[in-house]
Amino acid sequence: MEYGIVGLLVLVADVYAIINIISSRVSIGAKLLWTLLVLILPVIGFVIWFFAGPRGKTSTI
């Protein structure tokens, strides 16, 4: 049962990351690479994206 909850949390985190990647202002190629990273390496890809990935529709001043 614990593994199911952990798996669900990983799934939710990855979906959140992919939505943010798609809504970011980076090029389509960068979006594709980030999405593939998150899909191929769900946990590590999410952690890398969280610290270094493109952000959503936020304005930078």
C-alpha atoms as a PDB file:
ATOM      1  CA  MET A   1       0.000   0.000   0.000  1.00  0.00           C
ATOM      2  CA  GLU A   2       2.832   2.420   0.787  1.00  0.00           C
ATOM      3  CA  TYR A   3       4.348   1.954  -2.653  1.00  0.00           C
ATOM      4  CA  GLY A   4       1.029   2.836  -4.244  1.00  0.00           C
ATOM      5  CA  ILE A   5       0.890   6.129  -2.387  1.00  0.00           C
ATOM      6  CA  VAL A   6       4.491   6.935  -3.310  1.00  0.00           C
ATOM      7  CA  GLY A   7       3.768   6.070  -6.936  1.00  0.00           C
ATOM      8  CA  LEU A   8       0.721   8.311  -6.923  1.00  0.00           C
ATOM      9  CA  LEU A   9       2.768  11.189  -5.478  1.00  0.00           C
ATOM     10  CA  VAL A  10       5.414  10.717  -8.176  1.00  0.00           C
ATOM     11  CA  LEU A  11       2.696  10.694 -10.852  1.00  0.00           C
ATOM     12  CA  VAL A  12       1.140  13.899  -9.512  1.00  0.00           C
ATOM     13  CA  ALA A  13       4.555  15.602  -9.312  1.00  0.00           C
ATOM     14  CA  ASP A  14       5.414  14.576 -12.883  1.00  0.00           C
ATOM     15  CA  VAL A  15       2.071  15.780 -14.255  1.00  0.00           C
ATOM     16  CA  TYR A  16       2.600  19.082 -12.439  1.00  0.00           C
ATOM     17  CA  ALA A  17       6.088  19.387 -13.939  1.00  0.00           C
ATOM     18  CA  ILE A  18       4.896  18.582 -17.466  1.00  0.00           C
ATOM     19  CA  ILE A  19       2.085  21.143 -17.256  1.00  0.00           C
ATOM     20  CA  ASN A  20       4.581  23.780 -16.138  1.00  0.00           C
ATOM     21  CA  ILE A  21       7.032  22.789 -18.858  1.00  0.00           C
ATOM     22  CA  ILE A  22       4.386  23.065 -21.562  1.00  0.00           C
ATOM     23  CA  SER A  23       3.192  26.444 -20.286  1.00  0.00           C
ATOM     24  CA  SER A  24       6.715  27.887 -20.057  1.00  0.00           C
ATOM     25  CA  ARG A  25       8.106  30.389 -22.536  1.00  0.00           C
ATOM     26  CA  VAL A  26      11.033  28.286 -23.739  1.00  0.00           C
ATOM     27  CA  SER A  27      11.427  26.872 -27.232  1.00  0.00           C
ATOM     28  CA  ILE A  28       9.584  23.785 -28.394  1.00  0.00           C
ATOM     29  CA  GLY A  29      12.844  21.833 -28.472  1.00  0.00           C
ATOM     30  CA  ALA A  30      13.586  22.663 -24.842  1.00  0.00           C
ATOM     31  CA  LYS A  31      10.031  21.730 -23.871  1.00  0.00           C
ATOM     32  CA  LEU A  32      10.426  18.396 -25.635  1.00  0.00           C
ATOM     33  CA  LEU A  33      13.740  17.634 -23.931  1.00  0.00           C
ATOM     34  CA  TRP A  34      12.469  18.551 -20.465  1.00  0.00           C
ATOM     35  CA  THR A  35       9.291  16.526 -20.978  1.00  0.00           C
ATOM     36  CA  LEU A  36      11.268  13.487 -22.126  1.00  0.00           C
ATOM     37  CA  LEU A  37      13.564  13.789 -19.118  1.00  0.00           C
ATOM     38  CA  VAL A  38      10.618  13.832 -16.727  1.00  0.00           C
ATOM     39  CA  LEU A  39       8.923  10.924 -18.513  1.00  0.00           C
ATOM     40  CA  ILE A  40      12.007   8.704 -18.800  1.00  0.00           C
ATOM     41  CA  LEU A  41      13.379   9.413 -15.314  1.00  0.00           C
ATOM     42  CA  PRO A  42      10.286  10.283 -13.255  1.00  0.00           C
ATOM     43  CA  VAL A  43      11.854  10.974  -9.855  1.00  0.00           C
ATOM     44  CA  ILE A  44      15.295  12.234 -10.894  1.00  0.00           C
ATOM     45  CA  GLY A  45      13.821  14.141 -13.843  1.00  0.00           C
ATOM     46  CA  PHE A  46      11.360  15.908 -11.560  1.00  0.00           C
ATOM     47  CA  VAL A  47      14.086  16.876  -9.101  1.00  0.00           C
ATOM     48  CA  ILE A  48      16.309  18.219 -11.901  1.00  0.00           C
ATOM     49  CA  TRP A  49      13.386  20.110 -13.417  1.00  0.00           C
ATOM     50  CA  PHE A  50      12.422  21.530 -10.016  1.00  0.00           C
ATOM     51  CA  PHE A  51      15.832  23.113  -9.513  1.00  0.00           C
ATOM     52  CA  ALA A  52      16.936  23.892 -13.076  1.00  0.00           C
ATOM     53  CA  GLY A  53      13.957  23.654 -15.400  1.00  0.00           C
ATOM     54  CA  PRO A  54      11.925  26.315 -17.152  1.00  0.00           C
ATOM     55  CA  ARG A  55       9.235  27.998 -15.129  1.00  0.00           C
ATOM     56  CA  GLY A  56       5.601  28.667 -16.018  1.00  0.00           C
ATOM     57  CA  LYS A  57       4.082  31.909 -17.237  1.00  0.00           C
ATOM     58  CA  THR A  58       5.793  34.135 -14.722  1.00  0.00           C
ATOM     59  CA  SER A  59       7.028  37.567 -15.616  1.00  0.00           C
ATOM     60  CA  THR A  60      10.616  38.424 -14.868  1.00  0.00           C
ATOM     61  CA  ILE A  61      11.542  41.980 -14.001  1.00  0.00           C
END
